[in-house]
Amino acid sequence: MTGVTFFSENGVLTGFSVCGHSTQNSRDTQGKLVCSAVSSAAYLTANTILEVIGDPAQVTVDEAVMELHLKNPGKESRAVLEGFRLHITELAKQYGNRIQIITEV
């Protein structure tokens, strides 16, 4: 299962953590699809915040883990993070047995 944790302060999204795999075995094509969708959305979010918007963020990428933390997210970065949360929420509605969403304050 893929876990997606959203971090917030005072009701404002400040980052996320994605960890795990949605696949159950090497032949699990639906799990591979879900993994790819979540991973692609996470990379798009991180790259947009860092390279397009230019907000400084701490990003960590390792095997089956990506984390992004913003100290002072600007309006544009907050909008991108909200879009990412909406995207993941919709994926979880379709593939709830493969994605777990957690919100931390």
Protein backbone atom coordinates (compact mmCIF):
# COMPACT_ATOMS: atom_id res chain seq x y z
CA MET A 1 0.00 0.00 0.00
CA THR A 2 1.14 3.53 -0.74
CA GLY A 3 0.85 5.95 2.16
CA VAL A 4 0.47 9.67 1.47
CA THR A 5 0.82 11.97 4.45
CA PHE A 6 -0.01 15.66 4.18
CA PHE A 7 1.63 18.13 6.56
CA SER A 8 -0.06 21.36 7.57
CA GLU A 9 0.39 24.26 9.96
CA ASN A 10 -2.50 26.47 11.00
CA GLY A 11 -4.69 24.93 8.30
CA VAL A 12 -2.15 25.56 5.51
CA LEU A 13 -0.55 22.67 3.62
CA THR A 14 3.22 22.74 4.06
CA GLY A 15 4.25 19.48 2.42
CA PHE A 16 3.75 15.79 1.94
CA SER A 17 5.34 12.37 2.26
CA VAL A 18 4.72 9.49 -0.13
CA CYS A 19 5.99 6.05 0.85
CA GLY A 20 5.50 2.44 -0.11
CA HIS A 21 4.33 0.62 -3.20
CA SER A 22 0.82 -0.10 -4.39
CA THR A 23 1.78 -3.39 -5.99
CA GLN A 24 1.10 -6.76 -4.44
CA ASN A 25 3.44 -8.71 -6.71
CA SER A 26 5.41 -8.38 -9.96
CA ARG A 27 2.35 -9.19 -12.09
CA ASP A 28 0.05 -6.65 -10.42
CA THR A 29 -0.61 -4.29 -13.33
CA GLN A 30 -3.24 -2.24 -11.49
CA GLY A 31 -0.81 -1.71 -8.60
CA LYS A 32 1.89 -0.60 -11.03
CA LEU A 33 -0.54 1.87 -12.57
CA VAL A 34 -1.45 3.34 -9.17
CA CYS A 35 2.23 3.55 -8.16
CA SER A 36 3.05 5.36 -11.38
CA ALA A 37 0.15 7.78 -11.00
CA VAL A 38 1.07 8.70 -7.42
CA SER A 39 4.78 8.96 -8.20
CA SER A 40 4.21 11.11 -11.28
CA ALA A 41 1.90 13.47 -9.38
CA ALA A 42 4.42 13.78 -6.52
CA TYR A 43 7.29 14.61 -8.90
CA LEU A 44 5.14 17.10 -10.81
CA THR A 45 4.22 18.80 -7.54
CA ALA A 46 7.81 18.97 -6.26
CA ASN A 47 9.24 20.14 -9.59
CA THR A 48 6.57 22.80 -10.03
CA ILE A 49 7.16 24.20 -6.55
CA LEU A 50 10.96 24.13 -6.81
CA GLU A 51 11.68 24.87 -10.47
CA VAL A 52 8.69 26.83 -11.75
CA ILE A 53 7.49 28.75 -8.69
CA GLY A 54 10.89 28.86 -7.02
CA ASP A 55 9.80 28.42 -3.41
CA PRO A 56 12.59 26.92 -1.31
CA ALA A 57 11.72 23.47 -0.03
CA GLN A 58 13.44 20.54 1.59
CA VAL A 59 12.99 17.49 -0.63
CA THR A 60 14.11 13.95 0.13
CA VAL A 61 13.88 11.14 -2.41
CA ASP A 62 14.85 7.55 -1.64
CA GLU A 63 13.64 4.09 -2.62
CA ALA A 64 9.83 4.19 -2.35
CA VAL A 65 9.90 7.51 -0.40
CA MET A 66 9.51 11.16 -1.36
CA GLU A 67 9.09 13.99 1.12
CA LEU A 68 8.65 17.70 0.54
CA HIS A 69 8.58 20.31 3.30
CA LEU A 70 8.04 24.06 2.87
CA LYS A 71 8.66 26.49 5.72
CA ASN A 72 6.73 29.39 4.20
CA PRO A 73 4.69 28.21 1.23
CA GLY A 74 3.58 31.05 -1.02
CA LYS A 75 0.12 31.31 -2.52
CA GLU A 76 1.13 29.48 -5.70
CA SER A 77 2.81 26.63 -3.83
CA ARG A 78 -0.21 26.24 -1.58
CA ALA A 79 -2.41 25.96 -4.68
CA VAL A 80 -0.13 23.28 -6.16
CA LEU A 81 -0.16 21.32 -2.88
CA GLU A 82 -3.98 21.57 -2.72
CA GLY A 83 -4.14 20.27 -6.30
CA PHE A 84 -1.88 17.37 -5.37
CA ARG A 85 -4.07 16.54 -2.36
CA LEU A 86 -7.20 16.65 -4.53
CA HIS A 87 -5.57 14.38 -7.11
CA ILE A 88 -4.47 11.84 -4.49
CA THR A 89 -7.87 11.95 -2.81
CA GLU A 90 -9.60 11.13 -6.09
CA LEU A 91 -7.14 8.30 -6.79
CA ALA A 92 -7.81 6.93 -3.29
CA LYS A 93 -11.55 6.91 -4.01
CA GLN A 94 -10.91 4.70 -7.04
CA TYR A 95 -8.14 2.57 -5.53
CA GLY A 96 -8.80 2.76 -1.78
CA ASN A 97 -7.22 -0.61 -1.13
CA ARG A 98 -3.91 0.71 -2.52
CA ILE A 99 -3.64 4.28 -1.17
CA GLN A 100 -3.88 5.44 2.43
CA ILE A 101 -4.14 9.19 3.14
CA ILE A 102 -3.01 10.67 6.45
CA THR A 103 -3.16 14.33 7.48
CA GLU A 104 -0.76 15.56 10.14
CA VAL A 105 -0.92 18.92 11.85
